[in-house]
Amino acid sequence: MDSDKRTPATIINIDKPGSQPIKCMFNPKEYTFQKENTWKEGDAHARNTSQLKFGGGKPTTLQVQLFFDTYSEQTDVREHTDPIWGLMMVDDKLKDQKSKNSRPPKVMFQWGSTWSFEAVITSIKQQFTLFLSTGTPVRATLDVSFQQVKDTSQLKPQNPTSGGVGGERIWRVSAGDTLPWIAYQEYGDSTAWRLIADANRLTNVRELTPGTVLEIPNA
C-alpha cells in the first residue's frame, strides 16, 4: 500500500495555537458521519399513536480508521500513533469554564481544503498487527471517534466585502500550515479559508510554501 501524499489528512490541536498538524500516514479509505435527534413520546390516551415532540439534536459524530506502517523503516509505529493518543489526555492548562476542571484539547480533523470537522476525540481503539523480532510494533490501526463541538449551521456567513478599509493582518506560512487551519486561527471558522485564498490570488490552495507571507483580509 502506498501512502497518498497528495493531500494528507491531519488532526490539529486547536487549543494550542501554532502546534503542528499531526499527519495521518495513510489517508483513510472511508469515514462515517452519524447524527441523532431526540423525540419524546407525548400522551397516547385514546389514540393509536402518541404525538412525538422534538427534544433536540445530538452532536454529530465522525468515525474514521487510520492505518500506520513503519515496517520498511524498522521503527516503532507508536512514534506516529502516540501524538494522536495524546490528544485524549488531560491538559492541565485547559480548564472547563464551569467546573474549572482540566480537560483534553479540542481538535480539528481536516482533509484537504474542502472540509474539516471541529470536535473532541471521544474514543480511540488501537490495534497492533505486526512486530519486529524484538517485540517492537511496526503496524497499527486506530479506530478514532470524534464528537462535534460546534454547530456549523449557526456560524454567520463570511462576507468578503465587509469590514473597513485597512486593518488587514499578515501571516507567515510555517511548515504544515493549511488554509483552513490559518482561517480557524484568524476567524474562528476553518471554512473561511477562501477569503484568504482570494485575497492572495492563490491558485494552488492545497500546498502552501513555508515562508510565504499571506494577507489576512477583514471578515
Foldseek 3Di string as FASTA:
>chain_A
DQADPPWFKWKFQLVDPPDFTQTFRHHFPDKDKDWDWDWDFDDQVPHPGTDIDTDGIFWIKMKTKTKFFCVVVQDARCVRVVVVVQQQDWDCVAADPVPRHTGRTWMKTDTFLPDIATFGWDDKDKDFDDADPVRRGGIIMIIIMTTGDDDVVPDDDDDLPDDDPDPKDKDADDPRDALLSVCCVVPVGSNCSVSQCVQQVDPDRRDDDGGDMTIGGDD
